[in-house]
């Protein structure tokens, strides 16, 4: 999370404080900032860059899976698919 975002949000929250409490504005801003940082730290967040990287990995994995499924379907259509692994195992005696 961008620290500037938290600072900006804390400033906006403290700006919403009524005029009679302006003397406390700086303290409130610091308290807002601490509460926001603490709350956001508890969330399991990733950066946009990390998300984009993982989305790309997932996309490539899906593409490979689809290609393999198509190849398997073609092999099955041609009668070239191997029997399931459980059928190849010798029986335990």
PDB file of N, CA and C in Angstrom:
ATOM      1  N   UNK A   1       0.853  -1.167   0.000  1.00  0.00           N
ATOM      2  CA  UNK A   1       0.000   0.000   0.000  1.00  0.00           C
ATOM      3  C   UNK A   1       0.898   1.228   0.000  1.00  0.00           C
ATOM      4  N   UNK A   2       0.558   2.171  -0.809  1.00  0.00           N
ATOM      5  CA  UNK A   2       1.332   3.401  -0.944  1.00  0.00           C
ATOM      6  C   UNK A   2       1.185   4.250   0.320  1.00  0.00           C
ATOM      7  N   UNK A   3       2.288   4.578   1.006  1.00  0.00           N
ATOM      8  CA  UNK A   3       2.205   5.379   2.241  1.00  0.00           C
ATOM      9  C   UNK A   3       1.594   6.757   1.990  1.00  0.00           C
ATOM     10  N   UNK A   4       1.776   7.290   0.786  1.00  0.00           N
ATOM     11  CA  UNK A   4       1.185   8.604   0.478  1.00  0.00           C
ATOM     12  C   UNK A   4      -0.334   8.531   0.492  1.00  0.00           C
ATOM     13  N   UNK A   5      -0.879   7.398   0.078  1.00  0.00           N
ATOM     14  CA  UNK A   5      -2.328   7.216   0.101  1.00  0.00           C
ATOM     15  C   UNK A   5      -2.844   7.296   1.536  1.00  0.00           C
ATOM     16  N   UNK A   6      -2.160   6.631   2.444  1.00  0.00           N
ATOM     17  CA  UNK A   6      -2.569   6.643   3.851  1.00  0.00           C
ATOM     18  C   UNK A   6      -2.445   8.046   4.421  1.00  0.00           C
ATOM     19  N   UNK A   7      -1.341   8.732   4.113  1.00  0.00           N
ATOM     20  CA  UNK A   7      -1.172  10.112   4.593  1.00  0.00           C
ATOM     21  C   UNK A   7      -2.295  11.005   4.080  1.00  0.00           C
ATOM     22  N   UNK A   8      -2.611  10.874   2.801  1.00  0.00           N
ATOM     23  CA  UNK A   8      -3.665  11.696   2.208  1.00  0.00           C
ATOM     24  C   UNK A   8      -5.016  11.401   2.842  1.00  0.00           C
ATOM     25  N   UNK A   9      -5.317  10.139   3.045  1.00  0.00           N
ATOM     26  CA  UNK A   9      -6.584   9.763   3.665  1.00  0.00           C
ATOM     27  C   UNK A   9      -6.664  10.277   5.103  1.00  0.00           C
ATOM     28  N   UNK A  10      -5.564  10.181   5.836  1.00  0.00           N
ATOM     29  CA  UNK A  10      -5.537  10.696   7.217  1.00  0.00           C
ATOM     30  C   UNK A  10      -5.752  12.207   7.220  1.00  0.00           C
ATOM     31  N   UNK A  11      -5.144  12.916   6.247  1.00  0.00           N
ATOM     32  CA  UNK A  11      -5.340  14.369   6.165  1.00  0.00           C
ATOM     33  C   UNK A  11      -6.801  14.707   5.881  1.00  0.00           C
ATOM     34  N   UNK A  12      -7.411  13.965   4.975  1.00  0.00           N
ATOM     35  CA  UNK A  12      -8.818  14.233   4.644  1.00  0.00           C
ATOM     36  C   UNK A  12      -9.729  13.963   5.834  1.00  0.00           C
ATOM     37  N   UNK A  13      -9.434  12.902   6.573  1.00  0.00           N
ATOM     38  CA  UNK A  13     -10.236  12.617   7.765  1.00  0.00           C
ATOM     39  C   UNK A  13     -10.079  13.726   8.805  1.00  0.00           C
ATOM     40  N   UNK A  14      -8.863  14.183   9.010  1.00  0.00           N
ATOM     41  CA  UNK A  14      -8.657  15.245  10.001  1.00  0.00           C
ATOM     42  C   UNK A  14      -9.249  16.560   9.532  1.00  0.00           C
ATOM     43  N   UNK A  15      -9.310  16.790   8.211  1.00  0.00           N
ATOM     44  CA  UNK A  15      -9.924  18.016   7.692  1.00  0.00           C
ATOM     45  C   UNK A  15     -11.425  18.022   7.937  1.00  0.00           C
ATOM     46  N   UNK A  16     -12.011  16.854   8.118  1.00  0.00           N
ATOM     47  CA  UNK A  16     -13.446  16.761   8.371  1.00  0.00           C
ATOM     48  C   UNK A  16     -13.797  17.051   9.827  1.00  0.00           C
ATOM     49  N   UNK A  17     -12.776  17.227  10.646  1.00  0.00           N
ATOM     50  CA  UNK A  17     -12.999  17.518  12.061  1.00  0.00           C
ATOM     51  C   UNK A  17     -13.604  18.919  12.185  1.00  0.00           C
ATOM     52  N   UNK A  18     -14.586  19.083  13.055  1.00  0.00           N
ATOM     53  CA  UNK A  18     -15.210  20.404  13.245  1.00  0.00           C
ATOM     54  C   UNK A  18     -14.196  21.472  13.651  1.00  0.00           C
ATOM     55  N   UNK A  19     -14.499  22.722  13.303  1.00  0.00           N
ATOM     56  CA  UNK A  19     -13.597  23.849  13.544  1.00  0.00           C
ATOM     57  C   UNK A  19     -13.187  23.987  15.017  1.00  0.00           C
ATOM     58  N   UNK A  20     -14.056  23.672  15.929  1.00  0.00           N
ATOM     59  CA  UNK A  20     -13.750  23.794  17.351  1.00  0.00           C
ATOM     60  C   UNK A  20     -12.636  22.859  17.805  1.00  0.00           C
ATOM     61  N   UNK A  21     -12.319  21.874  17.021  1.00  0.00           N
ATOM     62  CA  UNK A  21     -11.308  20.899  17.410  1.00  0.00           C
ATOM     63  C   UNK A  21     -10.034  21.025  16.585  1.00  0.00           C
ATOM     64  N   UNK A  22      -9.838  22.166  15.929  1.00  0.00           N
ATOM     65  CA  UNK A  22      -8.682  22.336  15.045  1.00  0.00           C
ATOM     66  C   UNK A  22      -7.364  22.168  15.801  1.00  0.00           C
ATOM     67  N   UNK A  23      -7.324  22.572  17.047  1.00  0.00           N
ATOM     68  CA  UNK A  23      -6.095  22.431  17.829  1.00  0.00           C
ATOM     69  C   UNK A  23      -5.702  20.956  17.950  1.00  0.00           C
ATOM     70  N   UNK A  24      -6.661  20.101  17.874  1.00  0.00           N
ATOM     71  CA  UNK A  24      -6.385  18.673  17.998  1.00  0.00           C
ATOM     72  C   UNK A  24      -6.179  18.016  16.630  1.00  0.00           C
ATOM     73  N   UNK A  25      -6.284  18.787  15.568  1.00  0.00           N
ATOM     74  CA  UNK A  25      -6.232  18.225  14.223  1.00  0.00           C
ATOM     75  C   UNK A  25      -4.970  17.412  13.966  1.00  0.00           C
ATOM     76  N   UNK A  26      -3.812  17.932  14.348  1.00  0.00           N
ATOM     77  CA  UNK A  26      -2.543  17.231  14.093  1.00  0.00           C
ATOM     78  C   UNK A  26      -2.505  15.887  14.819  1.00  0.00           C
ATOM     79  N   UNK A  27      -2.941  15.898  16.088  1.00  0.00           N
ATOM     80  CA  UNK A  27      -2.984  14.637  16.836  1.00  0.00           C
ATOM     81  C   UNK A  27      -3.963  13.657  16.204  1.00  0.00           C
ATOM     82  N   UNK A  28      -5.115  14.157  15.789  1.00  0.00           N
ATOM     83  CA  UNK A  28      -6.099  13.291  15.153  1.00  0.00           C
ATOM     84  C   UNK A  28      -5.555  12.718  13.846  1.00  0.00           C
ATOM     85  N   UNK A  29      -4.863  13.553  13.074  1.00  0.00           N
ATOM     86  CA  UNK A  29      -4.301  13.089  11.810  1.00  0.00           C
ATOM     87  C   UNK A  29      -3.319  11.942  12.055  1.00  0.00           C
ATOM     88  N   UNK A  30      -2.460  12.087  13.051  1.00  0.00           N
ATOM     89  CA  UNK A  30      -1.504  11.031  13.380  1.00  0.00           C
ATOM     90  C   UNK A  30      -2.224   9.762  13.858  1.00  0.00           C
ATOM     91  N   UNK A  31      -3.274   9.959  14.673  1.00  0.00           N
ATOM     92  CA  UNK A  31      -4.042   8.802  15.147  1.00  0.00           C
ATOM     93  C   UNK A  31      -4.764   8.106  13.989  1.00  0.00           C
ATOM     94  N   UNK A  32      -5.356   8.893  13.090  1.00  0.00           N
ATOM     95  CA  UNK A  32      -6.018   8.314  11.912  1.00  0.00           C
ATOM     96  C   UNK A  32      -5.010   7.506  11.095  1.00  0.00           C
ATOM     97  N   UNK A  33      -3.839   8.085  10.921  1.00  0.00           N
ATOM     98  CA  UNK A  33      -2.797   7.426  10.132  1.00  0.00           C
ATOM     99  C   UNK A  33      -2.399   6.095  10.775  1.00  0.00           C
ATOM    100  N   UNK A  34      -2.206   6.093  12.074  1.00  0.00           N
ATOM    101  CA  UNK A  34      -1.813   4.868  12.780  1.00  0.00           C
ATOM    102  C   UNK A  34      -2.905   3.801  12.688  1.00  0.00           C
ATOM    103  N   UNK A  35      -4.152   4.214  12.850  1.00  0.00           N
ATOM    104  CA  UNK A  35      -5.264   3.262  12.776  1.00  0.00           C
ATOM    105  C   UNK A  35      -5.384   2.697  11.362  1.00  0.00           C
ATOM    106  N   UNK A  36      -5.254   3.551  10.358  1.00  0.00           N
ATOM    107  CA  UNK A  36      -5.336   3.084   8.966  1.00  0.00           C
ATOM    108  C   UNK A  36      -4.205   2.111   8.639  1.00  0.00           C
ATOM    109  N   UNK A  37      -2.991   2.453   9.039  1.00  0.00           N
ATOM    110  CA  UNK A  37      -1.857   1.563   8.768  1.00  0.00           C
ATOM    111  C   UNK A  37      -2.036   0.223   9.472  1.00  0.00           C
ATOM    112  N   UNK A  38      -2.495   0.253  10.699  1.00  0.00           N
ATOM    113  CA  UNK A  38      -2.697  -0.975  11.457  1.00  0.00           C
ATOM    114  C   UNK A  38      -3.771  -1.849  10.799  1.00  0.00           C
ATOM    115  N   UNK A  39      -4.869  -1.226  10.419  1.00  0.00           N
ATOM    116  CA  UNK A  39      -5.956  -1.973   9.785  1.00  0.00           C
ATOM    117  C   UNK A  39      -5.556  -2.551   8.449  1.00  0.00           C
ATOM    118  N   UNK A  40      -4.846  -1.785   7.647  1.00  0.00           N
ATOM    119  CA  UNK A  40      -4.440  -2.256   6.326  1.00  0.00           C
ATOM    120  C   UNK A  40      -3.358  -3.325   6.417  1.00  0.00           C
ATOM    121  N   UNK A  41      -2.524  -3.246   7.446  1.00  0.00           N
ATOM    122  CA  UNK A  41      -1.481  -4.252   7.638  1.00  0.00           C
ATOM    123  C   UNK A  41      -2.087  -5.619   7.933  1.00  0.00           C
ATOM    124  N   UNK A  42      -3.219  -5.631   8.616  1.00  0.00           N
ATOM    125  CA  UNK A  42      -3.869  -6.889   8.968  1.00  0.00           C
ATOM    126  C   UNK A  42      -4.485  -7.575   7.748  1.00  0.00           C
ATOM    127  N   UNK A  43      -4.781  -6.802   6.718  1.00  0.00           N
ATOM    128  CA  UNK A  43      -5.355  -7.384   5.505  1.00  0.00           C
ATOM    129  C   UNK A  43      -4.265  -8.093   4.713  1.00  0.00           C
ATOM    130  N   UNK A  44      -4.634  -9.145   4.045  1.00  0.00           N
ATOM    131  CA  UNK A  44      -3.680  -9.906   3.238  1.00  0.00           C
ATOM    132  C   UNK A  44      -3.700  -9.327   1.820  1.00  0.00           C
ATOM    133  N   UNK A  45      -3.022  -8.202   1.628  1.00  0.00           N
ATOM    134  CA  UNK A  45      -3.044  -7.501   0.348  1.00  0.00           C
ATOM    135  C   UNK A  45      -1.753  -7.737  -0.424  1.00  0.00           C
ATOM    136  N   UNK A  46      -1.858  -7.665  -1.737  1.00  0.00           N
ATOM    137  CA  UNK A  46      -0.679  -7.735  -2.598  1.00  0.00           C
ATOM    138  C   UNK A  46      -0.632  -6.464  -3.430  1.00  0.00           C
ATOM    139  N   UNK A  47       0.549  -6.182  -3.943  1.00  0.00           N
ATOM    140  CA  UNK A  47       0.668  -5.002  -4.798  1.00  0.00           C
ATOM    141  C   UNK A  47       0.036  -5.297  -6.153  1.00  0.00           C
ATOM    142  N   UNK A  48      -0.252  -4.248  -6.886  1.00  0.00           N
ATOM    143  CA  UNK A  48      -0.821  -4.420  -8.225  1.00  0.00           C
ATOM    144  C   UNK A  48       0.151  -5.195  -9.112  1.00  0.00           C
ATOM    145  N   UNK A  49       1.438  -4.914  -8.948  1.00  0.00           N
ATOM    146  CA  UNK A  49       2.455  -5.605  -9.747  1.00  0.00           C
ATOM    147  C   UNK A  49       2.437  -7.106  -9.451  1.00  0.00           C
ATOM    148  N   UNK A  50       2.380  -7.480  -8.178  1.00  0.00           N
ATOM    149  CA  UNK A  50       2.321  -8.902  -7.813  1.00  0.00           C
ATOM    150  C   UNK A  50       1.064  -9.558  -8.379  1.00  0.00           C
ATOM    151  N   UNK A  51      -0.048  -8.841  -8.303  1.00  0.00           N
ATOM    152  CA  UNK A  51      -1.311  -9.364  -8.834  1.00  0.00           C
ATOM    153  C   UNK A  51      -1.205  -9.589 -10.338  1.00  0.00           C
ATOM    154  N   UNK A  52      -0.657  -8.611 -11.057  1.00  0.00           N
ATOM    155  CA  UNK A  52      -0.522  -8.726 -12.511  1.00  0.00           C
ATOM    156  C   UNK A  52       0.382  -9.890 -12.907  1.00  0.00           C
ATOM    157  N   UNK A  53       1.463 -10.087 -12.158  1.00  0.00           N
ATOM    158  CA  UNK A  53       2.370 -11.207 -12.439  1.00  0.00           C
ATOM    159  C   UNK A  53       1.632 -12.530 -12.263  1.00  0.00           C
ATOM    160  N   UNK A  54       0.912 -12.676 -11.149  1.00  0.00           N
ATOM    161  CA  UNK A  54       0.190 -13.928 -10.895  1.00  0.00           C
ATOM    162  C   UNK A  54      -0.940 -14.138 -11.900  1.00  0.00           C
ATOM    163  N   UNK A  55      -1.595 -13.065 -12.315  1.00  0.00           N
ATOM    164  CA  UNK A  55      -2.646 -13.185 -13.338  1.00  0.00           C
ATOM    165  C   UNK A  55      -2.038 -13.674 -14.648  1.00  0.00           C
ATOM    166  N   UNK A  56      -0.857 -13.200 -14.988  1.00  0.00           N
ATOM    167  CA  UNK A  56      -0.171 -13.654 -16.200  1.00  0.00           C
ATOM    168  C   UNK A  56       0.208 -15.125 -16.116  1.00  0.00           C
ATOM    169  N   UNK A  57       0.698 -15.547 -14.955  1.00  0.00           N
ATOM    170  CA  UNK A  57       1.054 -16.957 -14.755  1.00  0.00           C
ATOM    171  C   UNK A  57      -0.194 -17.825 -14.906  1.00  0.00           C
ATOM    172  N   UNK A  58      -1.280 -17.398 -14.311  1.00  0.00           N
ATOM    173  CA  UNK A  58      -2.524 -18.154 -14.403  1.00  0.00           C
ATOM    174  C   UNK A  58      -3.019 -18.221 -15.849  1.00  0.00           C
ATOM    175  N   UNK A  59      -2.942 -17.115 -16.575  1.00  0.00           N
ATOM    176  CA  UNK A  59      -3.377 -17.091 -17.974  1.00  0.00           C
ATOM    177  C   UNK A  59      -2.565 -18.077 -18.816  1.00  0.00           C
ATOM    178  N   UNK A  60      -1.229 -18.052 -18.644  1.00  0.00           N
ATOM    179  CA  UNK A  60      -0.369 -18.970 -19.404  1.00  0.00           C
ATOM    180  C   UNK A  60      -0.647 -20.425 -19.024  1.00  0.00           C
ATOM    181  N   UNK A  61      -0.898 -20.684 -17.754  1.00  0.00           N
ATOM    182  CA  UNK A  61      -1.202 -22.038 -17.300  1.00  0.00           C
ATOM    183  C   UNK A  61      -2.509 -22.528 -17.924  1.00  0.00           C
ATOM    184  N   UNK A  62      -3.511 -21.663 -17.962  1.00  0.00           N
ATOM    185  CA  UNK A  62      -4.783 -22.042 -18.584  1.00  0.00           C
ATOM    186  C   UNK A  62      -4.599 -22.328 -20.070  1.00  0.00           C
ATOM    187  N   UNK A  63      -3.788 -21.500 -20.748  1.00  0.00           N
ATOM    188  CA  UNK A  63      -3.537 -21.721 -22.171  1.00  0.00           C
ATOM    189  C   UNK A  63      -2.868 -23.070 -22.404  1.00  0.00           C
ATOM    190  N   UNK A  64      -1.879 -23.405 -21.564  1.00  0.00           N
ATOM    191  CA  UNK A  64      -1.207 -24.696 -21.697  1.00  0.00           C
ATOM    192  C   UNK A  64      -2.170 -25.844 -21.419  1.00  0.00           C
ATOM    193  N   UNK A  65      -3.005 -25.691 -20.400  1.00  0.00           N
ATOM    194  CA  UNK A  65      -3.980 -26.721 -20.068  1.00  0.00           C
ATOM    195  C   UNK A  65      -4.949 -26.936 -21.230  1.00  0.00           C
ATOM    196  N   UNK A  66      -5.429 -25.853 -21.814  1.00  0.00           N
ATOM    197  CA  UNK A  66      -6.350 -25.972 -22.953  1.00  0.00           C
ATOM    198  C   UNK A  66      -5.663 -26.666 -24.127  1.00  0.00           C
ATOM    199  N   UNK A  67      -4.397 -26.339 -24.374  1.00  0.00           N
ATOM    200  CA  UNK A  67      -3.662 -26.987 -25.468  1.00  0.00           C
ATOM    201  C   UNK A  67      -3.495 -28.482 -25.196  1.00  0.00           C
ATOM    202  N   UNK A  68      -3.174 -28.840 -23.952  1.00  0.00           N
ATOM    203  CA  UNK A  68      -3.029 -30.252 -23.595  1.00  0.00           C
ATOM    204  C   UNK A  68      -4.359 -30.999 -23.694  1.00  0.00           C
ATOM    205  N   UNK A  69      -5.442 -30.338 -23.277  1.00  0.00           N
ATOM    206  CA  UNK A  69      -6.756 -30.967 -23.385  1.00  0.00           C
ATOM    207  C   UNK A  69      -7.119 -31.214 -24.847  1.00  0.00           C
ATOM    208  N   UNK A  70      -6.786 -30.263 -25.711  1.00  0.00           N
ATOM    209  CA  UNK A  70      -7.056 -30.429 -27.140  1.00  0.00           C
ATOM    210  C   UNK A  70      -6.235 -31.579 -27.716  1.00  0.00           C
ATOM    211  N   UNK A  71      -4.974 -31.677 -27.330  1.00  0.00           N
ATOM    212  CA  UNK A  71      -4.123 -32.788 -27.810  1.00  0.00           C
ATOM    213  C   UNK A  71      -4.664 -34.131 -27.334  1.00  0.00           C
ATOM    214  N   UNK A  72      -5.064 -34.183 -26.072  1.00  0.00           N
ATOM    215  CA  UNK A  72      -5.612 -35.419 -25.525  1.00  0.00           C
ATOM    216  C   UNK A  72      -6.895 -35.810 -26.262  1.00  0.00           C
ATOM    217  N   UNK A  73      -7.745 -34.841 -26.510  1.00  0.00           N
ATOM    218  CA  UNK A  73      -8.988 -35.125 -27.240  1.00  0.00           C
ATOM    219  C   UNK A  73      -8.666 -35.666 -28.632  1.00  0.00           C
ATOM    220  N   UNK A  74      -7.654 -35.121 -29.275  1.00  0.00           N
ATOM    221  CA  UNK A  74      -7.255 -35.597 -30.599  1.00  0.00           C
ATOM    222  C   UNK A  74      -6.715 -37.027 -30.521  1.00  0.00           C
ATOM    223  N   UNK A  75      -5.893 -37.309 -29.529  1.00  0.00           N
ATOM    224  CA  UNK A  75      -5.376 -38.675 -29.343  1.00  0.00           C
ATOM    225  C   UNK A  75      -6.524 -39.656 -29.086  1.00  0.00           C
ATOM    226  N   UNK A  76      -7.464 -39.255 -28.231  1.00  0.00           N
ATOM    227  CA  UNK A  76      -8.597 -40.126 -27.928  1.00  0.00           C
ATOM    228  C   UNK A  76      -9.428 -40.379 -29.180  1.00  0.00           C
ATOM    229  N   UNK A  77      -9.584 -39.346 -29.985  1.00  0.00           N
ATOM    230  CA  UNK A  77     -10.351 -39.472 -31.224  1.00  0.00           C
ATOM    231  C   UNK A  77      -9.672 -40.466 -32.172  1.00  0.00           C
ATOM    232  N   UNK A  78      -8.367 -40.473 -32.156  1.00  0.00           N
ATOM    233  CA  UNK A  78      -7.611 -41.377 -33.034  1.00  0.00           C
ATOM    234  C   UNK A  78      -7.405 -42.751 -32.403  1.00  0.00           C
ATOM    235  N   UNK A  79      -7.881 -42.934 -31.182  1.00  0.00           N
ATOM    236  CA  UNK A  79      -7.730 -44.216 -30.497  1.00  0.00           C
ATOM    237  C   UNK A  79      -6.333 -44.438 -29.969  1.00  0.00           C
ATOM    238  N   UNK A  80      -5.584 -43.353 -29.776  1.00  0.00           N
ATOM    239  CA  UNK A  80      -4.191 -43.473 -29.349  1.00  0.00           C
ATOM    240  C   UNK A  80      -3.999 -43.186 -27.862  1.00  0.00           C
ATOM    241  N   UNK A  81      -5.048 -42.866 -27.168  1.00  0.00           N
ATOM    242  CA  UNK A  81      -4.900 -42.518 -25.747  1.00  0.00           C
ATOM    243  C   UNK A  81      -4.565 -43.758 -24.946  1.00  0.00           C
ATOM    244  N   UNK A  82      -3.704 -43.590 -23.953  1.00  0.00           N
ATOM    245  CA  UNK A  82      -3.323 -44.700 -23.083  1.00  0.00           C
ATOM    246  C   UNK A  82      -4.449 -44.954 -22.095  1.00  0.00           C
ATOM    247  N   UNK A  83      -4.620 -46.183 -21.666  1.00  0.00           N
ATOM    248  CA  UNK A  83      -5.625 -46.473 -20.630  1.00  0.00           C
ATOM    249  C   UNK A  83      -5.257 -45.726 -19.340  1.00  0.00           C
ATOM    250  N   UNK A  84      -6.217 -45.560 -18.491  1.00  0.00           N
ATOM    251  CA  UNK A  84      -5.996 -44.864 -17.216  1.00  0.00           C
ATOM    252  C   UNK A  84      -4.938 -45.603 -16.413  1.00  0.00           C
ATOM    253  N   UNK A  85      -4.205 -44.880 -15.594  1.00  0.00           N
ATOM    254  CA  UNK A  85      -3.122 -45.463 -14.804  1.00  0.00           C
ATOM    255  C   UNK A  85      -3.600 -46.591 -13.899  1.00  0.00           C
ATOM    256  N   UNK A  86      -4.802 -46.477 -13.375  1.00  0.00           N
ATOM    257  CA  UNK A  86      -5.296 -47.511 -12.464  1.00  0.00           C
ATOM    258  C   UNK A  86      -5.486 -48.818 -13.203  1.00  0.00           C
ATOM    259  N   UNK A  87      -5.727 -48.770 -14.483  1.00  0.00           N
ATOM    260  CA  UNK A  87      -5.907 -49.996 -15.269  1.00  0.00           C
ATOM    261  C   UNK A  87      -4.560 -50.683 -15.569  1.00  0.00           C
ATOM    262  N   UNK A  88      -3.461 -49.944 -15.504  1.00  0.00           N
ATOM    263  CA  UNK A  88      -2.147 -50.498 -15.802  1.00  0.00           C
ATOM    264  C   UNK A  88      -1.457 -51.115 -14.595  1.00  0.00           C
ATOM    265  N   UNK A  89      -1.961 -50.843 -13.423  1.00  0.00           N
ATOM    266  CA  UNK A  89      -1.310 -51.337 -12.211  1.00  0.00           C
ATOM    267  C   UNK A  89      -1.570 -52.824 -12.019  1.00  0.00           C
ATOM    268  N   UNK A  90      -0.529 -53.543 -11.646  1.00  0.00           N
ATOM    269  CA  UNK A  90      -0.765 -54.964 -11.320  1.00  0.00           C
ATOM    270  C   UNK A  90      -1.555 -55.047 -10.021  1.00  0.00           C
ATOM    271  N   UNK A  91      -2.376 -56.051  -9.917  1.00  0.00           N
ATOM    272  CA  UNK A  91      -3.179 -56.184  -8.702  1.00  0.00           C
ATOM    273  C   UNK A  91      -2.285 -56.596  -7.544  1.00  0.00           C
ATOM    274  N   UNK A  92      -2.596 -56.045  -6.384  1.00  0.00           N
ATOM    275  CA  UNK A  92      -1.818 -56.350  -5.183  1.00  0.00           C
ATOM    276  C   UNK A  92      -2.320 -57.654  -4.598  1.00  0.00           C
ATOM    277  N   UNK A  93      -1.423 -58.624  -4.520  1.00  0.00           N
ATOM    278  CA  UNK A  93      -1.808 -59.932  -3.959  1.00  0.00           C
ATOM    279  C   UNK A  93      -0.825 -60.380  -2.942  1.00  0.00           C
TER     280      UNK A  93
END
